[in-house]
Amino acid sequence: MKYMIRGIDKNIMFRFFAVDTTEVVEQAREYHNTTPVASAALGRMLTAGLLVGYTLKNEQDKVTIRVNGNGPVGTALVTADSMGNVKGYLDNGNVELPLAANGKLNVGAAVGRDGFVQVIKDIGLKEPYSGSARLVSGEIGEDIAAYYFHSEQQPTVIGLGVLVDKDHSIKSAGGFMLQLMPGLTEEEIVLIENSIGKIKNVSSYFENGDEPENVIRELLPDFELEVTEKIPVQYKCDCSVERMEQVLISLGEEDLEKIIREDEKAEIVCHFCNKRYTFNKDELESIMDKKKS
């Protein structure tokens, strides 16, 4: 199973996170049957979700990232926790677009550059914390970094990459996140910026199946890095019959009665894994009884 790491540099100038999401993104592609450019967009979202989720403090904490651009994929949404679990979906995973001018999948055009990124953190408070920022490119990494800067005043660098093979399977996927510590001098900031400026295409670092520890050291060769923790990552959907019953219970009595009367059954499809749940007339009537009780 692939995994995620976090750590800090020896001089405590920044903390870093890195993750190999090849298996996670391939699982998502199989669930959603996405086209290459849609796989790249969803893969970047899933990778970002894992990285942001790893910043949360408690096991029960969760983060939801929603990107609403004006591109053909529509809404892109992922939910992750601090334990390496993530799930996500796109409104439209069947998008086909020409390659970008650099010959790569045009994620920016698929997502769109006119819209917002919203980050919702459920950390056990009375109400979840929610912040947002305008999209700057639709490339996901830059957009979430912009969110951190404008909404949380946290200087952040995020690199995300997804490499799709000729058969549309995921050849490699992964990413890193770098967050600067407070109180840095101008000289230290310039040193970090210069090192980051040398980074090439992110997916290429994960293409040979190298471990995240080696990838982050290759990404940042000018620093002494200490890995402090690593955890496995997985695509995990927690849908269930009980959860889908709650969806039906949330309907108005009139709507539920109409379904029972006219269709005598209901089918609900999970957004995150496309699993179908079917309820027959007797089950719907039982749900109606629960709703009335």
Protein backbone atom coordinates (compact mmCIF):
# COMPACT_ATOMS: atom_id res chain seq x y z
CA MET A 1 0.00 0.00 0.00
CA LYS A 2 1.26 3.49 -0.86
CA TYR A 3 1.83 5.98 1.93
CA MET A 4 2.24 9.60 2.94
CA ILE A 5 4.97 11.30 4.96
CA ARG A 6 5.43 14.52 6.84
CA GLY A 7 8.42 16.17 8.40
CA ILE A 8 10.49 19.29 8.84
CA ASP A 9 13.83 20.62 7.63
CA LYS A 10 16.79 20.68 10.01
CA ASN A 11 16.72 24.47 10.41
CA ILE A 12 12.94 24.52 10.99
CA MET A 13 12.23 26.81 8.05
CA PHE A 14 9.33 24.77 6.69
CA ARG A 15 7.31 21.63 7.23
CA PHE A 16 6.69 19.27 4.35
CA PHE A 17 4.28 16.56 3.25
CA ALA A 18 4.61 14.10 0.36
CA VAL A 19 2.40 11.26 -0.88
CA ASP A 20 2.31 8.63 -3.61
CA THR A 21 -1.33 8.41 -4.73
CA THR A 22 -0.95 6.10 -7.75
CA GLU A 23 -3.14 3.37 -6.26
CA VAL A 24 -5.66 5.87 -4.84
CA VAL A 25 -6.15 7.62 -8.17
CA GLU A 26 -6.37 4.35 -10.10
CA GLN A 27 -9.08 3.16 -7.69
CA ALA A 28 -10.99 6.40 -8.27
CA ARG A 29 -10.60 6.05 -12.05
CA GLU A 30 -12.05 2.53 -11.89
CA TYR A 31 -14.98 3.68 -9.75
CA HIS A 32 -15.82 6.66 -11.95
CA ASN A 33 -14.60 5.46 -15.38
CA THR A 34 -13.04 8.86 -16.04
CA THR A 35 -11.39 10.08 -19.24
CA PRO A 36 -7.66 10.92 -19.05
CA VAL A 37 -8.09 14.66 -18.41
CA ALA A 38 -10.85 13.99 -15.87
CA SER A 39 -8.63 11.38 -14.17
CA ALA A 40 -5.87 13.98 -13.93
CA ALA A 41 -8.23 16.57 -12.42
CA LEU A 42 -9.75 14.14 -9.92
CA GLY A 43 -6.32 12.69 -9.12
CA ARG A 44 -4.93 16.09 -8.27
CA MET A 45 -7.94 16.79 -6.07
CA LEU A 46 -7.55 13.47 -4.22
CA THR A 47 -3.84 14.07 -3.71
CA ALA A 48 -4.48 17.58 -2.40
CA GLY A 49 -7.19 16.24 -0.09
CA LEU A 50 -4.78 13.76 1.47
CA LEU A 51 -2.09 16.42 1.95
CA VAL A 52 -4.49 18.92 3.54
CA GLY A 53 -6.11 16.18 5.62
CA TYR A 54 -2.72 15.26 7.06
CA THR A 55 -2.48 18.72 8.62
CA LEU A 56 -5.51 18.00 10.83
CA LYS A 57 -4.79 17.13 14.46
CA ASN A 58 -7.38 14.55 15.50
CA GLU A 59 -8.45 11.17 14.09
CA GLN A 60 -12.08 12.25 13.73
CA ASP A 61 -11.25 15.53 11.95
CA LYS A 62 -12.22 15.80 8.28
CA VAL A 63 -11.69 18.24 5.45
CA THR A 64 -13.77 18.75 2.33
CA ILE A 65 -12.33 20.61 -0.65
CA ARG A 66 -14.72 21.81 -3.33
CA VAL A 67 -13.56 23.42 -6.56
CA ASN A 68 -16.19 25.13 -8.68
CA GLY A 69 -14.74 26.44 -11.91
CA ASN A 70 -16.41 27.26 -15.20
CA GLY A 71 -14.89 24.25 -16.97
CA PRO A 72 -16.72 21.17 -18.29
CA VAL A 73 -15.93 18.89 -15.32
CA GLY A 74 -18.23 21.04 -13.16
CA THR A 75 -17.83 20.68 -9.41
CA ALA A 76 -14.84 18.69 -8.17
CA LEU A 77 -15.11 17.55 -4.55
CA VAL A 78 -12.99 15.45 -2.20
CA THR A 79 -13.28 14.55 1.47
CA ALA A 80 -10.30 13.34 3.51
CA ASP A 81 -9.36 12.71 7.12
CA SER A 82 -6.09 12.85 9.07
CA MET A 83 -5.60 9.08 8.82
CA GLY A 84 -4.90 8.78 5.08
CA ASN A 85 -8.45 8.08 3.85
CA VAL A 86 -9.91 10.01 0.92
CA LYS A 87 -12.83 9.89 -1.51
CA GLY A 88 -14.02 12.22 -4.24
CA TYR A 89 -15.94 12.80 -7.46
CA LEU A 90 -16.44 15.13 -10.41
CA ASP A 91 -19.79 16.25 -11.78
CA ASN A 92 -18.66 15.18 -15.25
CA GLY A 93 -15.94 12.57 -15.62
CA ASN A 94 -16.46 12.09 -19.36
CA VAL A 95 -14.72 15.29 -20.50
CA GLU A 96 -12.59 15.12 -23.64
CA LEU A 97 -10.29 18.06 -24.41
CA PRO A 98 -7.31 18.69 -26.71
CA LEU A 99 -3.91 18.62 -25.04
CA ALA A 100 -2.51 21.87 -23.68
CA ALA A 101 0.15 23.79 -25.61
CA ASN A 102 2.88 21.97 -23.64
CA GLY A 103 1.52 18.59 -24.78
CA LYS A 104 0.08 17.70 -21.37
CA LEU A 105 -3.48 17.02 -20.24
CA ASN A 106 -5.30 20.35 -20.00
CA VAL A 107 -6.55 20.20 -16.41
CA GLY A 108 -6.82 24.00 -16.20
CA ALA A 109 -9.29 24.10 -19.09
CA ALA A 110 -11.23 21.11 -17.73
CA VAL A 111 -11.67 22.73 -14.33
CA GLY A 112 -11.88 26.33 -15.52
CA ARG A 113 -10.21 29.44 -14.20
CA ASP A 114 -13.30 31.42 -13.22
CA GLY A 115 -14.64 30.24 -9.90
CA PHE A 116 -13.74 29.40 -6.32
CA VAL A 117 -12.01 26.82 -4.16
CA GLN A 118 -13.72 26.19 -0.82
CA VAL A 119 -12.14 24.34 2.11
CA ILE A 120 -14.39 23.09 4.93
CA LYS A 121 -12.72 21.68 8.05
CA ASP A 122 -14.80 19.71 10.53
CA ILE A 123 -12.56 19.70 13.62
CA GLY A 124 -15.10 19.05 16.34
CA LEU A 125 -16.29 22.61 16.88
CA LYS A 126 -19.95 23.59 16.99
CA GLU A 127 -19.78 24.61 13.33
CA PRO A 128 -17.23 23.52 10.70
CA TYR A 129 -14.64 26.10 9.66
CA SER A 130 -15.09 27.22 6.06
CA GLY A 131 -12.87 29.43 3.91
CA SER A 132 -12.63 30.14 0.20
CA ALA A 133 -10.55 31.88 -2.44
CA ARG A 134 -10.85 32.62 -6.12
CA LEU A 135 -9.28 30.18 -8.55
CA VAL A 136 -6.03 31.39 -10.06
CA SER A 137 -5.44 28.75 -12.72
CA GLY A 138 -7.77 25.75 -12.40
CA GLU A 139 -4.65 23.57 -12.00
CA ILE A 140 -5.69 22.66 -8.40
CA GLY A 141 -2.30 22.94 -6.69
CA GLU A 142 -1.89 26.66 -7.31
CA ASP A 143 -5.52 27.23 -6.38
CA ILE A 144 -5.28 25.53 -2.99
CA ALA A 145 -1.99 27.31 -2.30
CA ALA A 146 -3.80 30.59 -3.04
CA TYR A 147 -6.53 29.55 -0.60
CA TYR A 148 -3.95 28.97 2.14
CA PHE A 149 -2.34 32.35 1.50
CA HIS A 150 -5.52 34.44 1.32
CA SER A 151 -7.79 32.59 3.75
CA GLU A 152 -5.37 31.19 6.35
CA GLN A 153 -2.39 33.55 5.83
CA GLN A 154 -0.15 30.49 5.48
CA PRO A 155 2.53 30.68 2.74
CA THR A 156 2.24 27.31 1.01
CA VAL A 157 3.61 25.56 -2.07
CA ILE A 158 1.72 22.59 -3.49
CA GLY A 159 2.87 20.38 -6.35
CA LEU A 160 0.49 17.78 -7.78
CA GLY A 161 0.98 15.35 -10.64
CA VAL A 162 -0.94 12.58 -12.40
CA LEU A 163 0.50 10.61 -15.31
CA VAL A 164 -2.08 8.68 -17.36
CA ASP A 165 -0.89 5.67 -19.37
CA LYS A 166 -1.87 4.85 -22.96
CA ASP A 167 -4.58 2.43 -21.76
CA HIS A 168 -6.02 5.27 -19.59
CA SER A 169 -4.88 3.62 -16.36
CA ILE A 170 -2.87 5.69 -13.88
CA LYS A 171 0.84 5.25 -14.45
CA SER A 172 1.85 7.45 -11.51
CA ALA A 173 0.37 10.08 -9.23
CA GLY A 174 1.52 11.99 -6.21
CA GLY A 175 2.27 15.34 -4.72
CA PHE A 176 3.95 17.41 -2.07
CA MET A 177 3.10 20.39 0.12
CA LEU A 178 5.52 22.82 1.71
CA GLN A 179 4.42 25.31 4.40
CA LEU A 180 6.79 28.03 5.58
CA MET A 181 7.29 28.54 9.29
CA PRO A 182 6.71 32.02 10.77
CA GLY A 183 9.59 34.42 11.35
CA LEU A 184 11.76 33.51 8.37
CA THR A 185 14.32 36.01 7.16
CA GLU A 186 14.27 37.33 3.60
CA GLU A 187 17.44 35.34 2.89
CA GLU A 188 15.82 32.10 4.04
CA ILE A 189 12.70 32.76 1.96
CA VAL A 190 14.85 33.39 -1.14
CA LEU A 191 16.75 30.14 -0.50
CA ILE A 192 13.48 28.20 -0.38
CA GLU A 193 12.09 29.96 -3.47
CA ASN A 194 15.22 29.21 -5.46
CA SER A 195 15.05 25.53 -4.56
CA ILE A 196 11.37 25.31 -5.45
CA GLY A 197 12.06 27.02 -8.77
CA LYS A 198 14.20 24.06 -9.84
CA ILE A 199 11.37 21.54 -9.47
CA LYS A 200 10.29 19.94 -12.75
CA ASN A 201 7.06 18.11 -13.57
CA VAL A 202 5.83 16.57 -10.30
CA SER A 203 4.43 13.33 -11.74
CA SER A 204 7.84 12.46 -13.19
CA TYR A 205 9.26 12.15 -9.65
CA PHE A 206 6.77 9.39 -8.86
CA GLU A 207 6.94 7.68 -12.26
CA ASN A 208 9.54 5.08 -11.22
CA GLY A 209 7.71 4.11 -8.04
CA ASP A 210 10.22 5.81 -5.77
CA GLU A 211 9.30 6.19 -2.09
CA PRO A 212 7.99 9.56 -0.90
CA GLU A 213 11.08 10.04 1.32
CA ASN A 214 13.34 9.85 -1.72
CA VAL A 215 11.00 11.98 -3.80
CA ILE A 216 10.91 14.84 -1.29
CA ARG A 217 14.70 14.77 -0.95
CA GLU A 218 15.04 14.86 -4.73
CA LEU A 219 12.57 17.74 -4.86
CA LEU A 220 14.45 19.69 -2.18
CA PRO A 221 18.13 18.67 -2.44
CA ASP A 222 19.40 21.90 -0.85
CA PHE A 223 17.98 21.07 2.60
CA GLU A 224 18.47 18.48 5.33
CA LEU A 225 15.05 16.91 5.80
CA GLU A 226 13.76 14.86 8.71
CA VAL A 227 10.73 12.61 8.17
CA THR A 228 8.76 12.52 11.41
CA GLU A 229 5.82 10.28 10.47
CA LYS A 230 4.33 8.19 7.70
CA ILE A 231 0.88 6.64 7.24
CA PRO A 232 -0.75 4.45 4.56
CA VAL A 233 -3.24 6.07 2.18
CA GLN A 234 -6.32 4.63 0.53
CA TYR A 235 -9.45 5.54 -1.39
CA LYS A 236 -12.19 4.73 1.10
CA CYS A 237 -15.90 5.25 0.59
CA ASP A 238 -17.99 4.82 3.72
CA CYS A 239 -21.41 4.61 2.07
CA SER A 240 -23.88 2.06 3.47
CA VAL A 241 -27.53 1.02 3.42
CA GLU A 242 -28.04 2.98 6.63
CA ARG A 243 -26.63 6.17 5.12
CA MET A 244 -28.84 5.83 2.05
CA GLU A 245 -31.87 5.27 4.28
CA GLN A 246 -31.07 8.62 5.87
CA VAL A 247 -31.13 10.21 2.42
CA LEU A 248 -34.65 8.86 1.88
CA ILE A 249 -35.74 9.87 5.37
CA SER A 250 -34.58 13.40 4.60
CA LEU A 251 -37.10 13.62 1.76
CA GLY A 252 -40.44 15.26 2.43
CA GLU A 253 -43.30 12.88 3.25
CA GLU A 254 -45.13 13.90 0.08
CA ASP A 255 -42.12 13.07 -2.11
CA LEU A 256 -41.54 9.73 -0.40
CA GLU A 257 -45.23 8.80 -0.67
CA LYS A 258 -45.13 9.66 -4.38
CA ILE A 259 -42.15 7.34 -4.92
CA ILE A 260 -43.95 4.51 -3.10
CA ARG A 261 -47.19 5.10 -5.02
CA GLU A 262 -45.80 5.61 -8.52
CA ASP A 263 -42.47 3.73 -8.64
CA GLU A 264 -42.82 1.20 -5.82
CA LYS A 265 -39.02 1.29 -5.48
CA ALA A 266 -36.10 3.70 -5.22
CA GLU A 267 -32.52 3.51 -6.42
CA ILE A 268 -29.75 5.70 -5.00
CA VAL A 269 -26.25 5.83 -6.45
CA CYS A 270 -23.32 6.86 -4.24
CA HIS A 271 -21.46 9.85 -5.71
CA PHE A 272 -18.12 8.60 -4.41
CA CYS A 273 -18.03 4.94 -5.53
CA ASN A 274 -21.03 4.57 -7.87
CA LYS A 275 -22.45 1.72 -5.78
CA ARG A 276 -26.20 1.34 -6.30
CA TYR A 277 -28.65 0.86 -3.45
CA THR A 278 -32.17 -0.34 -4.29
CA PHE A 279 -35.12 -0.15 -1.89
CA ASN A 280 -38.34 -2.06 -2.66
CA LYS A 281 -41.86 -0.98 -1.73
CA ASP A 282 -41.87 -2.75 1.64
CA GLU A 283 -38.54 -1.18 2.58
CA LEU A 284 -39.74 2.26 1.52
CA GLU A 285 -42.89 1.88 3.60
CA SER A 286 -40.74 0.90 6.57
CA ILE A 287 -38.63 4.02 6.02
CA MET A 288 -41.83 6.09 5.89
CA ASP A 289 -42.85 4.60 9.24
CA LYS A 290 -39.48 5.60 10.71
CA LYS A 291 -39.91 9.09 9.33
CA LYS A 292 -43.34 9.46 10.97
CA SER A 293 -42.28 8.00 14.33
